[in-house]
Full PDB file with SEQRES, HELIX, SHEET, SSBOND, CRYST1, ORIGX, SCALE, CONECT and MASTER records, all heavy atoms in Angstrom:
SEQRES   1 A   37  VAL GLN TRP ILE ILE PRO ILE GLN GLY VAL TRP PHE VAL          
SEQRES   2 A   37  GLN SER MET ASP GLY THR ARG VAL GLU LEU ASN PRO GLY          
SEQRES   3 A   37  ASP ALA LEU LEU SER GLU ASP VAL GLY ALA LYS                  
SHEET    1 AA1 2 GLN A   2  ILE A   4  0                                        
SHEET    2 AA1 2 LEU A  29  SER A  31 -1                                        
SHEET    1 AA2 2 TRP A  11  GLN A  14  0                                        
SHEET    2 AA2 2 ARG A  20  LEU A  23 -1                                        
CRYST1    1.000    1.000    1.000  90.00  90.00  90.00 P 1           1          
ORIGX1      1.000000  0.000000  0.000000        0.00000                         
ORIGX2      0.000000  1.000000  0.000000        0.00000                         
ORIGX3      0.000000  0.000000  1.000000        0.00000                         
SCALE1      1.000000  0.000000  0.000000        0.00000                         
SCALE2      0.000000  1.000000  0.000000        0.00000                         
SCALE3      0.000000  0.000000  1.000000        0.00000                         
ATOM      1  N   VAL A   1     -12.691 -16.665  -9.933  1.00  0.00           N  
ATOM      2  CA  VAL A   1     -12.995 -17.540  -8.801  1.00  0.00           C  
ATOM      3  C   VAL A   1     -12.040 -17.173  -7.672  1.00  0.00           C  
ATOM      4  O   VAL A   1     -10.849 -16.943  -7.894  1.00  0.00           O  
ATOM      5  CB  VAL A   1     -12.823 -19.022  -9.200  1.00  0.00           C  
ATOM      6  CG1 VAL A   1     -12.960 -19.932  -7.997  1.00  0.00           C  
ATOM      7  CG2 VAL A   1     -13.838 -19.401 -10.282  1.00  0.00           C  
ATOM      8  N   GLN A   2     -12.579 -17.099  -6.454  1.00  0.00           N  
ATOM      9  CA  GLN A   2     -11.737 -16.717  -5.324  1.00  0.00           C  
ATOM     10  C   GLN A   2     -12.214 -17.385  -4.039  1.00  0.00           C  
ATOM     11  O   GLN A   2     -13.390 -17.690  -3.896  1.00  0.00           O  
ATOM     12  CB  GLN A   2     -11.699 -15.204  -5.164  1.00  0.00           C  
ATOM     13  CG  GLN A   2     -13.039 -14.533  -5.097  1.00  0.00           C  
ATOM     14  CD  GLN A   2     -12.955 -13.013  -5.245  1.00  0.00           C  
ATOM     15  OE1 GLN A   2     -11.922 -12.445  -5.533  1.00  0.00           O  
ATOM     16  NE2 GLN A   2     -14.073 -12.354  -5.027  1.00  0.00           N  
ATOM     17  N   TRP A   3     -11.275 -17.604  -3.134  1.00  0.00           N  
ATOM     18  CA  TRP A   3     -11.573 -18.061  -1.784  1.00  0.00           C  
ATOM     19  C   TRP A   3     -11.460 -16.856  -0.876  1.00  0.00           C  
ATOM     20  O   TRP A   3     -10.486 -16.095  -0.954  1.00  0.00           O  
ATOM     21  CB  TRP A   3     -10.575 -19.134  -1.336  1.00  0.00           C  
ATOM     22  CG  TRP A   3     -10.865 -20.483  -1.915  1.00  0.00           C  
ATOM     23  CD1 TRP A   3     -10.343 -21.002  -3.071  1.00  0.00           C  
ATOM     24  CD2 TRP A   3     -11.723 -21.478  -1.377  1.00  0.00           C  
ATOM     25  NE1 TRP A   3     -10.849 -22.255  -3.279  1.00  0.00           N  
ATOM     26  CE2 TRP A   3     -11.694 -22.578  -2.243  1.00  0.00           C  
ATOM     27  CE3 TRP A   3     -12.519 -21.538  -0.240  1.00  0.00           C  
ATOM     28  CZ2 TRP A   3     -12.421 -23.728  -2.022  1.00  0.00           C  
ATOM     29  CZ3 TRP A   3     -13.245 -22.693  -0.012  1.00  0.00           C  
ATOM     30  CH2 TRP A   3     -13.198 -23.772  -0.895  1.00  0.00           C  
ATOM     31  N   ILE A   4     -12.450 -16.667  -0.003  1.00  0.00           N  
ATOM     32  CA  ILE A   4     -12.464 -15.544   0.934  1.00  0.00           C  
ATOM     33  C   ILE A   4     -12.571 -16.108   2.347  1.00  0.00           C  
ATOM     34  O   ILE A   4     -13.486 -16.896   2.643  1.00  0.00           O  
ATOM     35  CB  ILE A   4     -13.640 -14.594   0.641  1.00  0.00           C  
ATOM     36  CG1 ILE A   4     -13.562 -14.089  -0.807  1.00  0.00           C  
ATOM     37  CG2 ILE A   4     -13.661 -13.440   1.642  1.00  0.00           C  
ATOM     38  CD1 ILE A   4     -14.775 -13.304  -1.265  1.00  0.00           C  
ATOM     39  N   ILE A   5     -11.647 -15.679   3.213  1.00  0.00           N  
ATOM     40  CA  ILE A   5     -11.634 -16.129   4.603  1.00  0.00           C  
ATOM     41  C   ILE A   5     -11.534 -14.907   5.514  1.00  0.00           C  
ATOM     42  O   ILE A   5     -10.518 -14.205   5.481  1.00  0.00           O  
ATOM     43  CB  ILE A   5     -10.462 -17.093   4.863  1.00  0.00           C  
ATOM     44  CG1 ILE A   5     -10.588 -18.310   3.942  1.00  0.00           C  
ATOM     45  CG2 ILE A   5     -10.421 -17.505   6.341  1.00  0.00           C  
ATOM     46  CD1 ILE A   5      -9.415 -19.241   3.973  1.00  0.00           C  
ATOM     47  N   PRO A   6     -12.581 -14.633   6.305  1.00  0.00           N  
ATOM     48  CA  PRO A   6     -12.466 -13.555   7.286  1.00  0.00           C  
ATOM     49  C   PRO A   6     -11.396 -13.919   8.332  1.00  0.00           C  
ATOM     50  O   PRO A   6     -11.349 -15.063   8.797  1.00  0.00           O  
ATOM     51  CB  PRO A   6     -13.850 -13.495   7.937  1.00  0.00           C  
ATOM     52  CG  PRO A   6     -14.769 -14.190   6.987  1.00  0.00           C  
ATOM     53  CD  PRO A   6     -13.925 -15.221   6.305  1.00  0.00           C  
ATOM     54  N   ILE A   7     -10.565 -12.944   8.666  1.00  0.00           N  
ATOM     55  CA  ILE A   7      -9.567 -13.167   9.723  1.00  0.00           C  
ATOM     56  C   ILE A   7      -9.810 -12.249  10.916  1.00  0.00           C  
ATOM     57  O   ILE A   7      -9.198 -12.423  11.959  1.00  0.00           O  
ATOM     58  CB  ILE A   7      -8.120 -13.034   9.189  1.00  0.00           C  
ATOM     59  CG1 ILE A   7      -7.895 -11.686   8.514  1.00  0.00           C  
ATOM     60  CG2 ILE A   7      -7.792 -14.175   8.241  1.00  0.00           C  
ATOM     61  CD1 ILE A   7      -6.467 -11.453   8.042  1.00  0.00           C  
ATOM     62  N   GLN A   8     -10.727 -11.295  10.750  1.00  0.00           N  
ATOM     63  CA  GLN A   8     -11.108 -10.397  11.847  1.00  0.00           C  
ATOM     64  C   GLN A   8     -12.508  -9.877  11.560  1.00  0.00           C  
ATOM     65  O   GLN A   8     -12.820  -9.497  10.433  1.00  0.00           O  
ATOM     66  CB  GLN A   8     -10.126  -9.225  11.912  1.00  0.00           C  
ATOM     67  CG  GLN A   8     -10.494  -8.135  12.896  1.00  0.00           C  
ATOM     68  CD  GLN A   8      -9.565  -6.936  12.763  1.00  0.00           C  
ATOM     69  OE1 GLN A   8      -8.387  -7.087  12.493  1.00  0.00           O  
ATOM     70  NE2 GLN A   8     -10.112  -5.750  12.939  1.00  0.00           N  
ATOM     71  N   GLY A   9     -13.363  -9.852  12.558  1.00  0.00           N  
ATOM     72  CA  GLY A   9     -14.708  -9.304  12.399  1.00  0.00           C  
ATOM     73  C   GLY A   9     -15.686 -10.283  11.767  1.00  0.00           C  
ATOM     74  O   GLY A   9     -15.345 -11.421  11.457  1.00  0.00           O  
ATOM     75  N   VAL A  10     -16.919  -9.825  11.591  1.00  0.00           N  
ATOM     76  CA  VAL A  10     -17.981 -10.642  11.001  1.00  0.00           C  
ATOM     77  C   VAL A  10     -18.377 -10.012   9.669  1.00  0.00           C  
ATOM     78  O   VAL A  10     -18.693  -8.829   9.594  1.00  0.00           O  
ATOM     79  CB  VAL A  10     -19.203 -10.727  11.939  1.00  0.00           C  
ATOM     80  CG1 VAL A  10     -20.307 -11.588  11.314  1.00  0.00           C  
ATOM     81  CG2 VAL A  10     -18.794 -11.293  13.298  1.00  0.00           C  
ATOM     82  N   TRP A  11     -18.363 -10.821   8.617  1.00  0.00           N  
ATOM     83  CA  TRP A  11     -18.629 -10.388   7.250  1.00  0.00           C  
ATOM     84  C   TRP A  11     -19.840 -11.156   6.743  1.00  0.00           C  
ATOM     85  O   TRP A  11     -20.017 -12.332   7.072  1.00  0.00           O  
ATOM     86  CB  TRP A  11     -17.387 -10.698   6.419  1.00  0.00           C  
ATOM     87  CG  TRP A  11     -17.425 -10.332   4.983  1.00  0.00           C  
ATOM     88  CD1 TRP A  11     -17.386  -9.077   4.451  1.00  0.00           C  
ATOM     89  CD2 TRP A  11     -17.444 -11.229   3.871  1.00  0.00           C  
ATOM     90  NE1 TRP A  11     -17.389  -9.138   3.068  1.00  0.00           N  
ATOM     91  CE2 TRP A  11     -17.412 -10.458   2.694  1.00  0.00           C  
ATOM     92  CE3 TRP A  11     -17.479 -12.608   3.746  1.00  0.00           C  
ATOM     93  CZ2 TRP A  11     -17.429 -11.016   1.425  1.00  0.00           C  
ATOM     94  CZ3 TRP A  11     -17.482 -13.172   2.489  1.00  0.00           C  
ATOM     95  CH2 TRP A  11     -17.456 -12.369   1.347  1.00  0.00           C  
ATOM     96  N   PHE A  12     -20.698 -10.510   5.953  1.00  0.00           N  
ATOM     97  CA  PHE A  12     -21.849 -11.231   5.412  1.00  0.00           C  
ATOM     98  C   PHE A  12     -21.768 -11.269   3.885  1.00  0.00           C  
ATOM     99  O   PHE A  12     -21.128 -10.436   3.250  1.00  0.00           O  
ATOM    100  CB  PHE A  12     -23.183 -10.596   5.852  1.00  0.00           C  
ATOM    101  CG  PHE A  12     -23.599  -9.402   5.038  1.00  0.00           C  
ATOM    102  CD1 PHE A  12     -24.370  -9.554   3.886  1.00  0.00           C  
ATOM    103  CD2 PHE A  12     -23.231  -8.121   5.422  1.00  0.00           C  
ATOM    104  CE1 PHE A  12     -24.756  -8.447   3.138  1.00  0.00           C  
ATOM    105  CE2 PHE A  12     -23.615  -7.009   4.681  1.00  0.00           C  
ATOM    106  CZ  PHE A  12     -24.375  -7.175   3.527  1.00  0.00           C  
ATOM    107  N   VAL A  13     -22.440 -12.268   3.338  1.00  0.00           N  
ATOM    108  CA  VAL A  13     -22.611 -12.364   1.891  1.00  0.00           C  
ATOM    109  C   VAL A  13     -24.039 -12.838   1.642  1.00  0.00           C  
ATOM    110  O   VAL A  13     -24.560 -13.662   2.384  1.00  0.00           O  
ATOM    111  CB  VAL A  13     -21.553 -13.298   1.237  1.00  0.00           C  
ATOM    112  CG1 VAL A  13     -21.683 -14.718   1.725  1.00  0.00           C  
ATOM    113  CG2 VAL A  13     -21.630 -13.249  -0.277  1.00  0.00           C  
ATOM    114  N   GLN A  14     -24.675 -12.254   0.621  1.00  0.00           N  
ATOM    115  CA  GLN A  14     -26.039 -12.629   0.248  1.00  0.00           C  
ATOM    116  C   GLN A  14     -26.058 -12.933  -1.237  1.00  0.00           C  
ATOM    117  O   GLN A  14     -25.555 -12.149  -2.045  1.00  0.00           O  
ATOM    118  CB  GLN A  14     -27.009 -11.493   0.560  1.00  0.00           C  
ATOM    119  CG  GLN A  14     -28.451 -11.821   0.199  1.00  0.00           C  
ATOM    120  CD  GLN A  14     -29.417 -10.716   0.578  1.00  0.00           C  
ATOM    121  OE1 GLN A  14     -29.175  -9.980   1.526  1.00  0.00           O  
ATOM    122  NE2 GLN A  14     -30.503 -10.608  -0.167  1.00  0.00           N  
ATOM    123  N   SER A  15     -26.648 -14.074  -1.591  1.00  0.00           N  
ATOM    124  CA  SER A  15     -26.750 -14.446  -3.000  1.00  0.00           C  
ATOM    125  C   SER A  15     -28.051 -13.924  -3.591  1.00  0.00           C  
ATOM    126  O   SER A  15     -28.949 -13.466  -2.877  1.00  0.00           O  
ATOM    127  CB  SER A  15     -26.651 -15.970  -3.153  1.00  0.00           C  
ATOM    128  OG  SER A  15     -27.676 -16.610  -2.416  1.00  0.00           O  
ATOM    129  N   MET A  16     -28.158 -14.015  -4.888  1.00  0.00           N  
ATOM    130  CA  MET A  16     -29.328 -13.500  -5.604  1.00  0.00           C  
ATOM    131  C   MET A  16     -30.614 -14.236  -5.242  1.00  0.00           C  
ATOM    132  O   MET A  16     -31.700 -13.676  -5.367  1.00  0.00           O  
ATOM    133  CB  MET A  16     -29.082 -13.565  -7.111  1.00  0.00           C  
ATOM    134  CG  MET A  16     -27.977 -12.631  -7.580  1.00  0.00           C  
ATOM    135  SD  MET A  16     -27.472 -12.941  -9.290  1.00  0.00           S  
ATOM    136  CE  MET A  16     -28.968 -12.501 -10.182  1.00  0.00           C  
ATOM    137  N   ASP A  17     -30.503 -15.493  -4.783  1.00  0.00           N  
ATOM    138  CA  ASP A  17     -31.711 -16.237  -4.398  1.00  0.00           C  
ATOM    139  C   ASP A  17     -32.226 -15.835  -3.023  1.00  0.00           C  
ATOM    140  O   ASP A  17     -33.202 -16.371  -2.533  1.00  0.00           O  
ATOM    141  CB  ASP A  17     -31.479 -17.749  -4.486  1.00  0.00           C  
ATOM    142  CG  ASP A  17     -30.516 -18.282  -3.422  1.00  0.00           C  
ATOM    143  OD1 ASP A  17     -30.051 -17.503  -2.558  1.00  0.00           O  
ATOM    144  OD2 ASP A  17     -30.223 -19.487  -3.459  1.00  0.00           O  
ATOM    145  N   GLY A  18     -31.546 -14.864  -2.365  1.00  0.00           N  
ATOM    146  CA  GLY A  18     -31.977 -14.356  -1.071  1.00  0.00           C  
ATOM    147  C   GLY A  18     -31.279 -14.971   0.126  1.00  0.00           C  
ATOM    148  O   GLY A  18     -31.451 -14.506   1.251  1.00  0.00           O  
ATOM    149  N   THR A  19     -30.488 -16.025  -0.074  1.00  0.00           N  
ATOM    150  CA  THR A  19     -29.774 -16.645   1.028  1.00  0.00           C  
ATOM    151  C   THR A  19     -28.689 -15.694   1.533  1.00  0.00           C  
ATOM    152  O   THR A  19     -27.925 -15.146   0.745  1.00  0.00           O  
ATOM    153  CB  THR A  19     -29.132 -17.980   0.593  1.00  0.00           C  
ATOM    154  OG1 THR A  19     -30.143 -18.817   0.024  1.00  0.00           O  
ATOM    155  CG2 THR A  19     -28.473 -18.686   1.766  1.00  0.00           C  
ATOM    156  N   ARG A  20     -28.634 -15.524   2.846  1.00  0.00           N  
ATOM    157  CA  ARG A  20     -27.641 -14.637   3.459  1.00  0.00           C  
ATOM    158  C   ARG A  20     -26.952 -15.399   4.575  1.00  0.00           C  
ATOM    159  O   ARG A  20     -27.612 -16.037   5.399  1.00  0.00           O  
ATOM    160  CB  ARG A  20     -28.315 -13.395   4.035  1.00  0.00           C  
ATOM    161  CG  ARG A  20     -27.331 -12.409   4.638  1.00  0.00           C  
ATOM    162  CD  ARG A  20     -28.060 -11.172   5.148  1.00  0.00           C  
ATOM    163  NE  ARG A  20     -27.103 -10.131   5.469  1.00  0.00           N  
ATOM    164  CZ  ARG A  20     -26.843  -9.707   6.701  1.00  0.00           C  
ATOM    165  NH1 ARG A  20     -27.471 -10.215   7.718  1.00  0.00           N  
ATOM    166  NH2 ARG A  20     -25.960  -8.765   6.906  1.00  0.00           N  
ATOM    167  N   VAL A  21     -25.621 -15.347   4.597  1.00  0.00           N  
ATOM    168  CA  VAL A  21     -24.857 -15.991   5.660  1.00  0.00           C  
ATOM    169  C   VAL A  21     -23.862 -14.993   6.231  1.00  0.00           C  
ATOM    170  O   VAL A  21     -23.422 -14.071   5.543  1.00  0.00           O  
ATOM    171  CB  VAL A  21     -24.119 -17.265   5.176  1.00  0.00           C  
ATOM    172  CG1 VAL A  21     -25.115 -18.318   4.725  1.00  0.00           C  
ATOM    173  CG2 VAL A  21     -23.136 -16.963   4.080  1.00  0.00           C  
ATOM    174  N   GLU A  22     -23.540 -15.191   7.503  1.00  0.00           N  
ATOM    175  CA  GLU A  22     -22.509 -14.411   8.161  1.00  0.00           C  
ATOM    176  C   GLU A  22     -21.319 -15.323   8.396  1.00  0.00           C  
ATOM    177  O   GLU A  22     -21.475 -16.452   8.855  1.00  0.00           O  
ATOM    178  CB  GLU A  22     -23.025 -13.837   9.479  1.00  0.00           C  
ATOM    179  CG  GLU A  22     -24.098 -12.794   9.269  1.00  0.00           C  
ATOM    180  CD  GLU A  22     -24.573 -12.132  10.556  1.00  0.00           C  
ATOM    181  OE1 GLU A  22     -24.092 -12.492  11.658  1.00  0.00           O  
ATOM    182  OE2 GLU A  22     -25.434 -11.237  10.467  1.00  0.00           O  
ATOM    183  N   LEU A  23     -20.143 -14.819   8.060  1.00  0.00           N  
ATOM    184  CA  LEU A  23     -18.921 -15.593   8.221  1.00  0.00           C  
ATOM    185  C   LEU A  23     -18.061 -14.955   9.310  1.00  0.00           C  
ATOM    186  O   LEU A  23     -17.850 -13.742   9.308  1.00  0.00           O  
ATOM    187  CB  LEU A  23     -18.153 -15.659   6.901  1.00  0.00           C  
ATOM    188  CG  LEU A  23     -18.821 -16.537   5.849  1.00  0.00           C  
ATOM    189  CD1 LEU A  23     -19.686 -15.701   4.943  1.00  0.00           C  
ATOM    190  CD2 LEU A  23     -17.782 -17.269   5.047  1.00  0.00           C  
ATOM    191  N   ASN A  24     -17.594 -15.789  10.210  1.00  0.00           N  
ATOM    192  CA  ASN A  24     -16.732 -15.389  11.310  1.00  0.00           C  
ATOM    193  C   ASN A  24     -15.282 -15.709  10.965  1.00  0.00           C  
ATOM    194  O   ASN A  24     -15.022 -16.457  10.007  1.00  0.00           O  
ATOM    195  CB  ASN A  24     -17.144 -16.130  12.584  1.00  0.00           C  
ATOM    196  CG  ASN A  24     -18.515 -15.710  13.050  1.00  0.00           C  
ATOM    197  OD1 ASN A  24     -18.698 -14.577  13.479  1.00  0.00           O  
ATOM    198  ND2 ASN A  24     -19.492 -16.613  12.955  1.00  0.00           N  
ATOM    199  N   PRO A  25     -14.326 -15.199  11.732  1.00  0.00           N  
ATOM    200  CA  PRO A  25     -12.924 -15.525  11.452  1.00  0.00           C  
ATOM    201  C   PRO A  25     -12.709 -17.030  11.347  1.00  0.00           C  
ATOM    202  O   PRO A  25     -13.186 -17.800  12.183  1.00  0.00           O  
ATOM    203  CB  PRO A  25     -12.185 -14.930  12.655  1.00  0.00           C  
ATOM    204  CG  PRO A  25     -13.033 -13.760  13.047  1.00  0.00           C  
ATOM    205  CD  PRO A  25     -14.454 -14.253  12.842  1.00  0.00           C  
ATOM    206  N   GLY A  26     -12.055 -17.433  10.284  1.00  0.00           N  
ATOM    207  CA  GLY A  26     -11.774 -18.843  10.031  1.00  0.00           C  
ATOM    208  C   GLY A  26     -12.793 -19.532   9.134  1.00  0.00           C  
ATOM    209  O   GLY A  26     -12.523 -20.613   8.622  1.00  0.00           O  
ATOM    210  N   ASP A  27     -13.980 -18.950   8.948  1.00  0.00           N  
ATOM    211  CA  ASP A  27     -14.944 -19.522   8.001  1.00  0.00           C  
ATOM    212  C   ASP A  27     -14.417 -19.293   6.588  1.00  0.00           C  
ATOM    213  O   ASP A  27     -13.582 -18.421   6.362  1.00  0.00           O  
ATOM    214  CB  ASP A  27     -16.317 -18.857   8.139  1.00  0.00           C  
ATOM    215  CG  ASP A  27     -17.033 -19.217   9.436  1.00  0.00           C  
ATOM    216  OD1 ASP A  27     -16.696 -20.250  10.035  1.00  0.00           O  
ATOM    217  OD2 ASP A  27     -17.920 -18.445   9.842  1.00  0.00           O  
ATOM    218  N   ALA A  28     -14.902 -20.056   5.634  1.00  0.00           N  
ATOM    219  CA  ALA A  28     -14.416 -19.931   4.252  1.00  0.00           C  
ATOM    220  C   ALA A  28     -15.578 -19.861   3.272  1.00  0.00           C  
ATOM    221  O   ALA A  28     -16.607 -20.508   3.463  1.00  0.00           O  
ATOM    222  CB  ALA A  28     -13.517 -21.117   3.905  1.00  0.00           C  
ATOM    223  N   LEU A  29     -15.369 -19.068   2.225  1.00  0.00           N  
ATOM    224  CA  LEU A  29     -16.343 -18.933   1.144  1.00  0.00           C  
ATOM    225  C   LEU A  29     -15.626 -19.118  -0.181  1.00  0.00           C  
ATOM    226  O   LEU A  29     -14.615 -18.464  -0.438  1.00  0.00           O  
ATOM    227  CB  LEU A  29     -16.991 -17.539   1.165  1.00  0.00           C  
ATOM    228  CG  LEU A  29     -17.881 -17.223  -0.046  1.00  0.00           C  
ATOM    229  CD1 LEU A  29     -19.266 -17.837   0.146  1.00  0.00           C  
ATOM    230  CD2 LEU A  29     -17.996 -15.736  -0.265  1.00  0.00           C  
ATOM    231  N   LEU A  30     -16.147 -20.014  -1.014  1.00  0.00           N  
ATOM    232  CA  LEU A  30     -15.681 -20.144  -2.388  1.00  0.00           C  
ATOM    233  C   LEU A  30     -16.594 -19.262  -3.225  1.00  0.00           C  
ATOM    234  O   LEU A  30     -17.776 -19.553  -3.398  1.00  0.00           O  
ATOM    235  CB  LEU A  30     -15.752 -21.596  -2.856  1.00  0.00           C  
ATOM    236  CG  LEU A  30     -15.442 -21.852  -4.327  1.00  0.00           C  
ATOM    237  CD1 LEU A  30     -14.056 -21.336  -4.703  1.00  0.00           C  
ATOM    238  CD2 LEU A  30     -15.577 -23.330  -4.644  1.00  0.00           C  
ATOM    239  N   SER A  31     -16.062 -18.143  -3.703  1.00  0.00           N  
ATOM    240  CA  SER A  31     -16.851 -17.190  -4.487  1.00  0.00           C  
ATOM    241  C   SER A  31     -16.640 -17.496  -5.962  1.00  0.00           C  
ATOM    242  O   SER A  31     -15.636 -17.121  -6.554  1.00  0.00           O  
ATOM    243  CB  SER A  31     -16.424 -15.757  -4.156  1.00  0.00           C  
ATOM    244  OG  SER A  31     -17.207 -14.838  -4.871  1.00  0.00           O  
ATOM    245  N   GLU A  32     -17.585 -18.225  -6.523  1.00  0.00           N  
ATOM    246  CA  GLU A  32     -17.486 -18.587  -7.935  1.00  0.00           C  
ATOM    247  C   GLU A  32     -18.741 -18.151  -8.690  1.00  0.00           C  
ATOM    248  O   GLU A  32     -19.174 -18.799  -9.631  1.00  0.00           O  
ATOM    249  CB  GLU A  32     -17.201 -20.084  -8.104  1.00  0.00           C  
ATOM    250  CG  GLU A  32     -18.192 -21.017  -7.465  1.00  0.00           C  
ATOM    251  CD  GLU A  32     -17.925 -22.473  -7.783  1.00  0.00           C  
ATOM    252  OE1 GLU A  32     -17.151 -22.777  -8.708  1.00  0.00           O  
ATOM    253  OE2 GLU A  32     -18.513 -23.319  -7.106  1.00  0.00           O  
ATOM    254  N   ASP A  33     -19.295 -17.000  -8.269  1.00  0.00           N  
ATOM    255  CA  ASP A  33     -20.483 -16.469  -8.946  1.00  0.00           C  
ATOM    256  C   ASP A  33     -20.093 -15.611 -10.148  1.00  0.00           C  
ATOM    257  O   ASP A  33     -20.797 -14.685 -10.530  1.00  0.00           O  
ATOM    258  CB  ASP A  33     -21.410 -15.739  -7.977  1.00  0.00           C  
ATOM    259  CG  ASP A  33     -20.735 -14.664  -7.140  1.00  0.00           C  
ATOM    260  OD1 ASP A  33     -19.526 -14.767  -6.906  1.00  0.00           O  
ATOM    261  OD2 ASP A  33     -21.420 -13.736  -6.707  1.00  0.00           O  
ATOM    262  N   VAL A  34     -18.978 -15.974 -10.759  1.00  0.00           N  
ATOM    263  CA  VAL A  34     -18.526 -15.356 -12.006  1.00  0.00           C  
ATOM    264  C   VAL A  34     -19.578 -15.656 -13.075  1.00  0.00           C  
ATOM    265  O   VAL A  34     -20.085 -16.764 -13.154  1.00  0.00           O  
ATOM    266  CB  VAL A  34     -17.154 -15.949 -12.427  1.00  0.00           C  
ATOM    267  CG1 VAL A  34     -16.693 -15.371 -13.741  1.00  0.00           C  
ATOM    268  CG2 VAL A  34     -16.121 -15.739 -11.330  1.00  0.00           C  
ATOM    269  N   GLY A  35     -19.916 -14.697 -13.871  1.00  0.00           N  
ATOM    270  CA  GLY A  35     -20.893 -14.931 -14.940  1.00  0.00           C  
ATOM    271  C   GLY A  35     -22.339 -14.764 -14.507  1.00  0.00           C  
ATOM    272  O   GLY A  35     -23.247 -15.125 -15.251  1.00  0.00           O  
ATOM    273  N   ALA A  36     -22.539 -14.226 -13.305  1.00  0.00           N  
ATOM    274  CA  ALA A  36     -23.919 -13.975 -12.877  1.00  0.00           C  
ATOM    275  C   ALA A  36     -24.555 -12.936 -13.800  1.00  0.00           C  
ATOM    276  O   ALA A  36     -23.868 -12.100 -14.390  1.00  0.00           O  
ATOM    277  CB  ALA A  36     -23.925 -13.472 -11.434  1.00  0.00           C  
ATOM    278  N   LYS A  37     -25.882 -13.013 -13.939  1.00  0.00           N  
ATOM    279  CA  LYS A  37     -26.620 -12.075 -14.795  1.00  0.00           C  
ATOM    280  C   LYS A  37     -27.570 -11.255 -13.934  1.00  0.00           C  
ATOM    281  O   LYS A  37     -28.208 -11.796 -13.019  1.00  0.00           O  
ATOM    282  CB  LYS A  37     -27.397 -12.842 -15.863  1.00  0.00           C  
ATOM    283  CG  LYS A  37     -26.475 -13.615 -16.795  1.00  0.00           C  
ATOM    284  CD  LYS A  37     -27.259 -14.446 -17.773  1.00  0.00           C  
ATOM    285  CE  LYS A  37     -26.283 -15.239 -18.623  1.00  0.00           C  
ATOM    286  NZ  LYS A  37     -26.862 -16.432 -19.193  1.00  0.00           N  
TER     287      LYS A  37                                                      
MASTER        0    0    0    0    4    0    0    6  286    1    0    3          
END                                                                             
């Protein structure tokens, strides 16, 4: 499990269900997709 925070630039993440988000500096993501199949 990890917290990811962009501090420069624009970063994207897409989940298996097709949802895609772009994160800007200061946005936060809790990445807990441990155990995905």
